[in-house]
Amino acid sequence: MKNNEYVILGGKKYYRTTAPILSEQRWTEMEALVKQSIEQDATLELVLCIGSYEEIVRGKLFLLNETLQSFLVNHRVVMAKEIVEIRYPEEKKSALEAEKYEWF
């Protein structure tokens, strides 16, 4: 099934997006955020532009190669030029009321 805004592949919905231009300032900001997440042992969420569609990847990022401007996340090499956004994942609220209690 195709649409102008998204495409469904393997049961996942991928939205159309454009890749930003990777400037030296943008690379420095991404590198600083990744190094901060490594120090805090935090998980990050990446929004990638793959083939003009966005894909969201979560995991712990590691700086792989500064010269090639690449990161390693979940055994996958991600180039900085593919990254649209890096953010901390939002906390999901539980749908079950009973999970708030200790006995559950």
PDB file of N, CA and C in Angstrom:
ATOM      1  N   MET A   1       0.839  -1.172   0.000  1.00  0.00           N
ATOM      2  CA  MET A   1       0.000   0.000   0.000  1.00  0.00           C
ATOM      3  C   MET A   1       0.889   1.241   0.000  1.00  0.00           C
ATOM      4  N   LYS A   2       0.650   2.134  -0.934  1.00  0.00           N
ATOM      5  CA  LYS A   2       1.439   3.347  -1.023  1.00  0.00           C
ATOM      6  C   LYS A   2       0.553   4.562  -0.831  1.00  0.00           C
ATOM      7  N   ASN A   3       1.142   5.584  -0.285  1.00  0.00           N
ATOM      8  CA  ASN A   3       0.482   6.858  -0.083  1.00  0.00           C
ATOM      9  C   ASN A   3       1.550   7.929  -0.303  1.00  0.00           C
ATOM     10  N   ASN A   4       1.173   9.160  -0.505  1.00  0.00           N
ATOM     11  CA  ASN A   4       2.152  10.218  -0.692  1.00  0.00           C
ATOM     12  C   ASN A   4       2.934  10.519   0.577  1.00  0.00           C
ATOM     13  N   GLU A   5       2.336  10.312   1.744  1.00  0.00           N
ATOM     14  CA  GLU A   5       2.966  10.664   3.007  1.00  0.00           C
ATOM     15  C   GLU A   5       3.725   9.506   3.648  1.00  0.00           C
ATOM     16  N   TYR A   6       3.337   8.283   3.379  1.00  0.00           N
ATOM     17  CA  TYR A   6       4.004   7.143   4.002  1.00  0.00           C
ATOM     18  C   TYR A   6       3.897   5.909   3.116  1.00  0.00           C
ATOM     19  N   VAL A   7       4.716   4.912   3.449  1.00  0.00           N
ATOM     20  CA  VAL A   7       4.671   3.617   2.778  1.00  0.00           C
ATOM     21  C   VAL A   7       4.697   2.553   3.874  1.00  0.00           C
ATOM     22  N   ILE A   8       3.993   1.453   3.665  1.00  0.00           N
ATOM     23  CA  ILE A   8       3.964   0.366   4.642  1.00  0.00           C
ATOM     24  C   ILE A   8       4.808  -0.780   4.091  1.00  0.00           C
ATOM     25  N   LEU A   9       5.846  -1.130   4.839  1.00  0.00           N
ATOM     26  CA  LEU A   9       6.735  -2.220   4.464  1.00  0.00           C
ATOM     27  C   LEU A   9       6.877  -3.153   5.659  1.00  0.00           C
ATOM     28  N   GLY A  10       6.576  -4.401   5.484  1.00  0.00           N
ATOM     29  CA  GLY A  10       6.709  -5.377   6.561  1.00  0.00           C
ATOM     30  C   GLY A  10       5.860  -5.048   7.770  1.00  0.00           C
ATOM     31  N   GLY A  11       4.724  -4.426   7.569  1.00  0.00           N
ATOM     32  CA  GLY A  11       3.834  -4.093   8.669  1.00  0.00           C
ATOM     33  C   GLY A  11       4.189  -2.809   9.401  1.00  0.00           C
ATOM     34  N   LYS A  12       5.302  -2.160   9.022  1.00  0.00           N
ATOM     35  CA  LYS A  12       5.698  -0.900   9.644  1.00  0.00           C
ATOM     36  C   LYS A  12       5.366   0.253   8.718  1.00  0.00           C
ATOM     37  N   LYS A  13       5.008   1.374   9.306  1.00  0.00           N
ATOM     38  CA  LYS A  13       4.663   2.569   8.541  1.00  0.00           C
ATOM     39  C   LYS A  13       5.867   3.508   8.539  1.00  0.00           C
ATOM     40  N   TYR A  14       6.379   3.858   7.354  1.00  0.00           N
ATOM     41  CA  TYR A  14       7.505   4.763   7.206  1.00  0.00           C
ATOM     42  C   TYR A  14       7.007   6.060   6.575  1.00  0.00           C
ATOM     43  N   TYR A  15       7.260   7.197   7.250  1.00  0.00           N
ATOM     44  CA  TYR A  15       6.808   8.498   6.770  1.00  0.00           C
ATOM     45  C   TYR A  15       7.874   9.145   5.894  1.00  0.00           C
ATOM     46  N   ARG A  16       7.447   9.909   4.909  1.00  0.00           N
ATOM     47  CA  ARG A  16       8.360  10.597   4.000  1.00  0.00           C
ATOM     48  C   ARG A  16       9.037  11.752   4.734  1.00  0.00           C
ATOM     49  N   THR A  17      10.334  11.916   4.507  1.00  0.00           N
ATOM     50  CA  THR A  17      11.115  12.968   5.141  1.00  0.00           C
ATOM     51  C   THR A  17      12.265  13.369   4.227  1.00  0.00           C
ATOM     52  N   THR A  18      12.991  14.397   4.592  1.00  0.00           N
ATOM     53  CA  THR A  18      14.172  14.807   3.840  1.00  0.00           C
ATOM     54  C   THR A  18      15.357  14.850   4.787  1.00  0.00           C
ATOM     55  N   ALA A  19      16.508  14.493   4.277  1.00  0.00           N
ATOM     56  CA  ALA A  19      17.718  14.482   5.091  1.00  0.00           C
ATOM     57  C   ALA A  19      18.268  15.896   5.216  1.00  0.00           C
ATOM     58  N   PRO A  20      18.659  16.299   6.426  1.00  0.00           N
ATOM     59  CA  PRO A  20      19.226  17.634   6.601  1.00  0.00           C
ATOM     60  C   PRO A  20      20.678  17.681   6.113  1.00  0.00           C
ATOM     61  N   ILE A  21      21.167  18.871   5.884  1.00  0.00           N
ATOM     62  CA  ILE A  21      22.562  19.049   5.500  1.00  0.00           C
ATOM     63  C   ILE A  21      23.411  18.945   6.754  1.00  0.00           C
ATOM     64  N   LEU A  22      24.474  18.164   6.681  1.00  0.00           N
ATOM     65  CA  LEU A  22      25.331  17.945   7.839  1.00  0.00           C
ATOM     66  C   LEU A  22      26.429  19.010   7.857  1.00  0.00           C
ATOM     67  N   SER A  23      26.283  19.988   8.718  1.00  0.00           N
ATOM     68  CA  SER A  23      27.290  21.033   8.868  1.00  0.00           C
ATOM     69  C   SER A  23      28.252  20.656   9.993  1.00  0.00           C
ATOM     70  N   GLU A  24      29.326  21.396  10.103  1.00  0.00           N
ATOM     71  CA  GLU A  24      30.304  21.142  11.158  1.00  0.00           C
ATOM     72  C   GLU A  24      29.689  21.393  12.538  1.00  0.00           C
ATOM     73  N   GLN A  25      28.845  22.408  12.648  1.00  0.00           N
ATOM     74  CA  GLN A  25      28.178  22.716  13.912  1.00  0.00           C
ATOM     75  C   GLN A  25      27.206  21.600  14.297  1.00  0.00           C
ATOM     76  N   ARG A  26      26.439  21.107  13.328  1.00  0.00           N
ATOM     77  CA  ARG A  26      25.487  20.022  13.584  1.00  0.00           C
ATOM     78  C   ARG A  26      26.215  18.762  14.035  1.00  0.00           C
ATOM     79  N   TRP A  27      27.339  18.437  13.393  1.00  0.00           N
ATOM     80  CA  TRP A  27      28.130  17.263  13.768  1.00  0.00           C
ATOM     81  C   TRP A  27      28.642  17.416  15.197  1.00  0.00           C
ATOM     82  N   THR A  28      29.117  18.598  15.562  1.00  0.00           N
ATOM     83  CA  THR A  28      29.636  18.848  16.908  1.00  0.00           C
ATOM     84  C   THR A  28      28.539  18.661  17.949  1.00  0.00           C
ATOM     85  N   GLU A  29      27.333  19.147  17.657  1.00  0.00           N
ATOM     86  CA  GLU A  29      26.215  18.987  18.587  1.00  0.00           C
ATOM     87  C   GLU A  29      25.817  17.519  18.746  1.00  0.00           C
ATOM     88  N   MET A  30      25.779  16.780  17.634  1.00  0.00           N
ATOM     89  CA  MET A  30      25.447  15.347  17.711  1.00  0.00           C
ATOM     90  C   MET A  30      26.494  14.588  18.500  1.00  0.00           C
ATOM     91  N   GLU A  31      27.749  14.890  18.232  1.00  0.00           N
ATOM     92  CA  GLU A  31      28.845  14.216  18.917  1.00  0.00           C
ATOM     93  C   GLU A  31      28.801  14.483  20.419  1.00  0.00           C
ATOM     94  N   ALA A  32      28.511  15.722  20.809  1.00  0.00           N
ATOM     95  CA  ALA A  32      28.418  16.068  22.234  1.00  0.00           C
ATOM     96  C   ALA A  32      27.253  15.347  22.908  1.00  0.00           C
ATOM     97  N   LEU A  33      26.111  15.263  22.231  1.00  0.00           N
ATOM     98  CA  LEU A  33      24.947  14.577  22.794  1.00  0.00           C
ATOM     99  C   LEU A  33      25.213  13.078  22.969  1.00  0.00           C
ATOM    100  N   VAL A  34      25.868  12.467  22.001  1.00  0.00           N
ATOM    101  CA  VAL A  34      26.190  11.043  22.098  1.00  0.00           C
ATOM    102  C   VAL A  34      27.190  10.790  23.219  1.00  0.00           C
ATOM    103  N   LYS A  35      28.210  11.631  23.338  1.00  0.00           N
ATOM    104  CA  LYS A  35      29.189  11.464  24.416  1.00  0.00           C
ATOM    105  C   LYS A  35      28.533  11.645  25.783  1.00  0.00           C
ATOM    106  N   GLN A  36      27.588  12.580  25.888  1.00  0.00           N
ATOM    107  CA  GLN A  36      26.855  12.784  27.133  1.00  0.00           C
ATOM    108  C   GLN A  36      26.008  11.555  27.469  1.00  0.00           C
ATOM    109  N   SER A  37      25.366  10.963  26.465  1.00  0.00           N
ATOM    110  CA  SER A  37      24.545   9.771  26.725  1.00  0.00           C
ATOM    111  C   SER A  37      25.407   8.577  27.121  1.00  0.00           C
ATOM    112  N   ILE A  38      26.632   8.507  26.606  1.00  0.00           N
ATOM    113  CA  ILE A  38      27.546   7.419  26.992  1.00  0.00           C
ATOM    114  C   ILE A  38      27.933   7.575  28.456  1.00  0.00           C
ATOM    115  N   GLU A  39      28.244   8.797  28.878  1.00  0.00           N
ATOM    116  CA  GLU A  39      28.610   9.051  30.275  1.00  0.00           C
ATOM    117  C   GLU A  39      27.456   8.750  31.226  1.00  0.00           C
ATOM    118  N   GLN A  40      26.230   9.055  30.796  1.00  0.00           N
ATOM    119  CA  GLN A  40      25.051   8.822  31.625  1.00  0.00           C
ATOM    120  C   GLN A  40      24.491   7.415  31.451  1.00  0.00           C
ATOM    121  N   ASP A  41      25.039   6.634  30.529  1.00  0.00           N
ATOM    122  CA  ASP A  41      24.555   5.290  30.209  1.00  0.00           C
ATOM    123  C   ASP A  41      23.067   5.337  29.854  1.00  0.00           C
ATOM    124  N   ALA A  42      22.718   6.278  28.979  1.00  0.00           N
ATOM    125  CA  ALA A  42      21.321   6.509  28.607  1.00  0.00           C
ATOM    126  C   ALA A  42      21.042   6.009  27.189  1.00  0.00           C
ATOM    127  N   THR A  43      19.798   5.677  26.944  1.00  0.00           N
ATOM    128  CA  THR A  43      19.336   5.260  25.630  1.00  0.00           C
ATOM    129  C   THR A  43      18.870   6.481  24.855  1.00  0.00           C
ATOM    130  N   LEU A  44      19.188   6.505  23.572  1.00  0.00           N
ATOM    131  CA  LEU A  44      18.745   7.588  22.704  1.00  0.00           C
ATOM    132  C   LEU A  44      17.852   7.038  21.605  1.00  0.00           C
ATOM    133  N   GLU A  45      17.116   7.931  21.005  1.00  0.00           N
ATOM    134  CA  GLU A  45      16.228   7.578  19.898  1.00  0.00           C
ATOM    135  C   GLU A  45      16.668   8.393  18.684  1.00  0.00           C
ATOM    136  N   LEU A  46      16.921   7.705  17.579  1.00  0.00           N
ATOM    137  CA  LEU A  46      17.342   8.358  16.346  1.00  0.00           C
ATOM    138  C   LEU A  46      16.208   8.342  15.343  1.00  0.00           C
ATOM    139  N   VAL A  47      16.011   9.453  14.674  1.00  0.00           N
ATOM    140  CA  VAL A  47      15.106   9.502  13.531  1.00  0.00           C
ATOM    141  C   VAL A  47      16.015   9.575  12.310  1.00  0.00           C
ATOM    142  N   LEU A  48      15.961   8.533  11.485  1.00  0.00           N
ATOM    143  CA  LEU A  48      16.844   8.432  10.324  1.00  0.00           C
ATOM    144  C   LEU A  48      16.075   8.690   9.045  1.00  0.00           C
ATOM    145  N   CYS A  49      16.768   9.193   8.048  1.00  0.00           N
ATOM    146  CA  CYS A  49      16.205   9.361   6.713  1.00  0.00           C
ATOM    147  C   CYS A  49      16.836   8.289   5.832  1.00  0.00           C
ATOM    148  N   ILE A  50      16.077   7.237   5.533  1.00  0.00           N
ATOM    149  CA  ILE A  50      16.551   6.131   4.712  1.00  0.00           C
ATOM    150  C   ILE A  50      15.695   6.095   3.456  1.00  0.00           C
ATOM    151  N   GLY A  51      16.286   6.394   2.317  1.00  0.00           N
ATOM    152  CA  GLY A  51      15.545   6.362   1.058  1.00  0.00           C
ATOM    153  C   GLY A  51      14.377   7.319   1.032  1.00  0.00           C
ATOM    154  N   SER A  52      14.529   8.487   1.606  1.00  0.00           N
ATOM    155  CA  SER A  52      13.540   9.553   1.727  1.00  0.00           C
ATOM    156  C   SER A  52      12.363   9.197   2.641  1.00  0.00           C
ATOM    157  N   TYR A  53      12.490   8.129   3.424  1.00  0.00           N
ATOM    158  CA  TYR A  53      11.492   7.788   4.441  1.00  0.00           C
ATOM    159  C   TYR A  53      12.178   7.745   5.795  1.00  0.00           C
ATOM    160  N   GLU A  54      11.430   8.094   6.848  1.00  0.00           N
ATOM    161  CA  GLU A  54      12.026   8.102   8.180  1.00  0.00           C
ATOM    162  C   GLU A  54      11.901   6.749   8.851  1.00  0.00           C
ATOM    163  N   GLU A  55      12.920   6.440   9.632  1.00  0.00           N
ATOM    164  CA  GLU A  55      12.935   5.210  10.424  1.00  0.00           C
ATOM    165  C   GLU A  55      13.419   5.593  11.812  1.00  0.00           C
ATOM    166  N   ILE A  56      12.789   5.050  12.846  1.00  0.00           N
ATOM    167  CA  ILE A  56      13.155   5.364  14.220  1.00  0.00           C
ATOM    168  C   ILE A  56      13.903   4.179  14.811  1.00  0.00           C
ATOM    169  N   VAL A  57      15.084   4.463  15.357  1.00  0.00           N
ATOM    170  CA  VAL A  57      15.942   3.440  15.956  1.00  0.00           C
ATOM    171  C   VAL A  57      16.233   3.862  17.386  1.00  0.00           C
ATOM    172  N   ARG A  58      16.070   2.942  18.339  1.00  0.00           N
ATOM    173  CA  ARG A  58      16.370   3.205  19.748  1.00  0.00           C
ATOM    174  C   ARG A  58      17.513   2.322  20.195  1.00  0.00           C
ATOM    175  N   GLY A  59      18.338   2.875  21.074  1.00  0.00           N
ATOM    176  CA  GLY A  59      19.422   2.087  21.625  1.00  0.00           C
ATOM    177  C   GLY A  59      20.509   2.971  22.196  1.00  0.00           C
ATOM    178  N   LYS A  60      21.561   2.328  22.678  1.00  0.00           N
ATOM    179  CA  LYS A  60      22.716   3.054  23.194  1.00  0.00           C
ATOM    180  C   LYS A  60      23.671   3.305  22.040  1.00  0.00           C
ATOM    181  N   LEU A  61      24.018   4.562  21.839  1.00  0.00           N
ATOM    182  CA  LEU A  61      24.892   4.951  20.749  1.00  0.00           C
ATOM    183  C   LEU A  61      26.337   4.960  21.190  1.00  0.00           C
ATOM    184  N   PHE A  62      27.208   4.601  20.264  1.00  0.00           N
ATOM    185  CA  PHE A  62      28.641   4.670  20.483  1.00  0.00           C
ATOM    186  C   PHE A  62      29.263   5.341  19.269  1.00  0.00           C
ATOM    187  N   LEU A  63      30.228   6.198  19.525  1.00  0.00           N
ATOM    188  CA  LEU A  63      30.932   6.871  18.446  1.00  0.00           C
ATOM    189  C   LEU A  63      31.842   5.860  17.778  1.00  0.00           C
ATOM    190  N   LEU A  64      31.590   5.572  16.501  1.00  0.00           N
ATOM    191  CA  LEU A  64      32.344   4.539  15.797  1.00  0.00           C
ATOM    192  C   LEU A  64      33.570   5.120  15.117  1.00  0.00           C
ATOM    193  N   ASN A  65      33.382   6.147  14.288  1.00  0.00           N
ATOM    194  CA  ASN A  65      34.484   6.710  13.535  1.00  0.00           C
ATOM    195  C   ASN A  65      34.236   8.207  13.348  1.00  0.00           C
ATOM    196  N   GLU A  66      35.106   9.016  13.924  1.00  0.00           N
ATOM    197  CA  GLU A  66      34.932  10.465  13.820  1.00  0.00           C
ATOM    198  C   GLU A  66      35.215  10.968  12.415  1.00  0.00           C
ATOM    199  N   THR A  67      36.155  10.366  11.716  1.00  0.00           N
ATOM    200  CA  THR A  67      36.490  10.794  10.361  1.00  0.00           C
ATOM    201  C   THR A  67      35.338  10.531   9.398  1.00  0.00           C
ATOM    202  N   LEU A  68      34.710   9.356   9.516  1.00  0.00           N
ATOM    203  CA  LEU A  68      33.578   9.014   8.659  1.00  0.00           C
ATOM    204  C   LEU A  68      32.255   9.531   9.221  1.00  0.00           C
ATOM    205  N   GLN A  69      32.291  10.113  10.407  1.00  0.00           N
ATOM    206  CA  GLN A  69      31.108  10.644  11.092  1.00  0.00           C
ATOM    207  C   GLN A  69      30.017   9.577  11.185  1.00  0.00           C
ATOM    208  N   SER A  70      30.353   8.505  11.906  1.00  0.00           N
ATOM    209  CA  SER A  70      29.418   7.391  12.034  1.00  0.00           C
ATOM    210  C   SER A  70      29.297   6.951  13.493  1.00  0.00           C
ATOM    211  N   PHE A  71      28.141   6.353  13.794  1.00  0.00           N
ATOM    212  CA  PHE A  71      27.836   5.841  15.127  1.00  0.00           C
ATOM    213  C   PHE A  71      27.455   4.366  15.016  1.00  0.00           C
ATOM    214  N   LEU A  72      27.540   3.673  16.137  1.00  0.00           N
ATOM    215  CA  LEU A  72      27.107   2.287  16.218  1.00  0.00           C
ATOM    216  C   LEU A  72      25.939   2.227  17.191  1.00  0.00           C
ATOM    217  N   VAL A  73      24.814   1.666  16.747  1.00  0.00           N
ATOM    218  CA  VAL A  73      23.640   1.514  17.595  1.00  0.00           C
ATOM    219  C   VAL A  73      22.978   0.180  17.252  1.00  0.00           C
ATOM    220  N   ASN A  74      22.802  -0.669  18.256  1.00  0.00           N
ATOM    221  CA  ASN A  74      22.173  -1.989  18.079  1.00  0.00           C
ATOM    222  C   ASN A  74      22.813  -2.786  16.946  1.00  0.00           C
ATOM    223  N   HIS A  75      24.132  -2.861  16.944  1.00  0.00           N
ATOM    224  CA  HIS A  75      24.893  -3.612  15.932  1.00  0.00           C
ATOM    225  C   HIS A  75      24.653  -3.081  14.520  1.00  0.00           C
ATOM    226  N   ARG A  76      24.376  -1.807  14.408  1.00  0.00           N
ATOM    227  CA  ARG A  76      24.098  -1.179  13.114  1.00  0.00           C
ATOM    228  C   ARG A  76      24.911   0.108  13.008  1.00  0.00           C
ATOM    229  N   VAL A  77      25.581   0.286  11.882  1.00  0.00           N
ATOM    230  CA  VAL A  77      26.353   1.494  11.646  1.00  0.00           C
ATOM    231  C   VAL A  77      25.421   2.545  11.051  1.00  0.00           C
ATOM    232  N   VAL A  78      25.392   3.719  11.677  1.00  0.00           N
ATOM    233  CA  VAL A  78      24.551   4.820  11.225  1.00  0.00           C
ATOM    234  C   VAL A  78      25.454   5.996  10.890  1.00  0.00           C
ATOM    235  N   MET A  79      25.339   6.484   9.670  1.00  0.00           N
ATOM    236  CA  MET A  79      26.104   7.652   9.247  1.00  0.00           C
ATOM    237  C   MET A  79      25.388   8.913   9.736  1.00  0.00           C
ATOM    238  N   ALA A  80      26.149   9.918  10.112  1.00  0.00           N
ATOM    239  CA  ALA A  80      25.566  11.156  10.639  1.00  0.00           C
ATOM    240  C   ALA A  80      24.713  11.867   9.596  1.00  0.00           C
ATOM    241  N   LYS A  81      25.030  11.701   8.330  1.00  0.00           N
ATOM    242  CA  LYS A  81      24.249  12.368   7.285  1.00  0.00           C
ATOM    243  C   LYS A  81      22.846  11.772   7.138  1.00  0.00           C
ATOM    244  N   GLU A  82      22.597  10.580   7.711  1.00  0.00           N
ATOM    245  CA  GLU A  82      21.275   9.952   7.679  1.00  0.00           C
ATOM    246  C   GLU A  82      20.387  10.400   8.832  1.00  0.00           C
ATOM    247  N   ILE A  83      20.963  11.047   9.850  1.00  0.00           N
ATOM    248  CA  ILE A  83      20.241  11.387  11.070  1.00  0.00           C
ATOM    249  C   ILE A  83      19.469  12.692  10.894  1.00  0.00           C
ATOM    250  N   VAL A  84      18.170  12.604  11.108  1.00  0.00           N
ATOM    251  CA  VAL A  84      17.319  13.781  11.077  1.00  0.00           C
ATOM    252  C   VAL A  84      17.248  14.406  12.467  1.00  0.00           C
ATOM    253  N   GLU A  85      17.138  13.542  13.496  1.00  0.00           N
ATOM    254  CA  GLU A  85      16.992  14.036  14.866  1.00  0.00           C
ATOM    255  C   GLU A  85      17.519  12.991  15.842  1.00  0.00           C
ATOM    256  N   ILE A  86      18.136  13.468  16.927  1.00  0.00           N
ATOM    257  CA  ILE A  86      18.533  12.619  18.050  1.00  0.00           C
ATOM    258  C   ILE A  86      17.806  13.146  19.271  1.00  0.00           C
ATOM    259  N   ARG A  87      17.148  12.254  20.017  1.00  0.00           N
ATOM    260  CA  ARG A  87      16.402  12.682  21.202  1.00  0.00           C
ATOM    261  C   ARG A  87      16.397  11.568  22.237  1.00  0.00           C
ATOM    262  N   TYR A  88      16.082  11.968  23.456  1.00  0.00           N
ATOM    263  CA  TYR A  88      15.872  10.977  24.510  1.00  0.00           C
ATOM    264  C   TYR A  88      14.464  10.429  24.342  1.00  0.00           C
ATOM    265  N   PRO A  89      14.265   9.113  24.440  1.00  0.00           N
ATOM    266  CA  PRO A  89      12.920   8.542  24.252  1.00  0.00           C
ATOM    267  C   PRO A  89      11.966   8.987  25.347  1.00  0.00           C
ATOM    268  N   GLU A  90      10.718   9.178  24.956  1.00  0.00           N
ATOM    269  CA  GLU A  90       9.688   9.561  25.916  1.00  0.00           C
ATOM    270  C   GLU A  90       9.295   8.352  26.744  1.00  0.00           C
ATOM    271  N   GLU A  91       8.957   8.621  28.006  1.00  0.00           N
ATOM    272  CA  GLU A  91       8.501   7.551  28.885  1.00  0.00           C
ATOM    273  C   GLU A  91       7.092   7.147  28.483  1.00  0.00           C
ATOM    274  N   LYS A  92       6.892   5.849  28.316  1.00  0.00           N
ATOM    275  CA  LYS A  92       5.559   5.339  27.967  1.00  0.00           C
ATOM    276  C   LYS A  92       4.756   5.133  29.247  1.00  0.00           C
ATOM    277  N   LYS A  93       3.537   5.595  29.239  1.00  0.00           N
ATOM    278  CA  LYS A  93       2.661   5.388  30.386  1.00  0.00           C
ATOM    279  C   LYS A  93       1.922   4.071  30.211  1.00  0.00           C
ATOM    280  N   SER A  94       1.804   3.358  31.309  1.00  0.00           N
ATOM    281  CA  SER A  94       1.152   2.063  31.279  1.00  0.00           C
ATOM    282  C   SER A  94      -0.359   2.213  31.113  1.00  0.00           C
ATOM    283  N   ALA A  95      -0.927   1.342  30.343  1.00  0.00           N
ATOM    284  CA  ALA A  95      -2.367   1.373  30.112  1.00  0.00           C
ATOM    285  C   ALA A  95      -3.133   0.674  31.231  1.00  0.00           C
ATOM    286  N   LEU A  96      -2.433  -0.139  32.027  1.00  0.00           N
ATOM    287  CA  LEU A  96      -3.103  -0.884  33.088  1.00  0.00           C
ATOM    288  C   LEU A  96      -3.034  -0.131  34.417  1.00  0.00           C
ATOM    289  N   GLU A  97      -4.157   0.092  35.022  1.00  0.00           N
ATOM    290  CA  GLU A  97      -4.229   0.768  36.314  1.00  0.00           C
ATOM    291  C   GLU A  97      -3.571  -0.081  37.404  1.00  0.00           C
ATOM    292  N   ALA A  98      -3.688  -1.413  37.303  1.00  0.00           N
ATOM    293  CA  ALA A  98      -3.189  -2.316  38.339  1.00  0.00           C
ATOM    294  C   ALA A  98      -1.662  -2.316  38.434  1.00  0.00           C
ATOM    295  N   GLU A  99      -0.950  -1.914  37.382  1.00  0.00           N
ATOM    296  CA  GLU A  99       0.507  -1.923  37.420  1.00  0.00           C
ATOM    297  C   GLU A  99       1.085  -0.876  38.361  1.00  0.00           C
ATOM    298  N   LYS A 100       0.266   0.046  38.833  1.00  0.00           N
ATOM    299  CA  LYS A 100       0.738   1.069  39.758  1.00  0.00           C
ATOM    300  C   LYS A 100       0.960   0.500  41.143  1.00  0.00           C
ATOM    301  N   TYR A 101       0.354  -0.636  41.468  1.00  0.00           N
ATOM    302  CA  TYR A 101       0.444  -1.202  42.807  1.00  0.00           C
ATOM    303  C   TYR A 101       1.584  -2.194  42.903  1.00  0.00           C
ATOM    304  N   GLU A 102       2.152  -2.301  44.105  1.00  0.00           N
ATOM    305  CA  GLU A 102       3.313  -3.144  44.328  1.00  0.00           C
ATOM    306  C   GLU A 102       3.030  -4.629  44.124  1.00  0.00           C
ATOM    307  N   TRP A 103       1.837  -5.064  44.416  1.00  0.00           N
ATOM    308  CA  TRP A 103       1.535  -6.497  44.354  1.00  0.00           C
ATOM    309  C   TRP A 103       1.438  -7.019  42.941  1.00  0.00           C
ATOM    310  N   PHE A 104       1.369  -6.162  41.946  1.00  0.00           N
ATOM    311  CA  PHE A 104       1.205  -6.627  40.560  1.00  0.00           C
ATOM    312  C   PHE A 104       2.512  -6.959  39.946  1.00  0.00           C
TER     313      PHE A 104
END
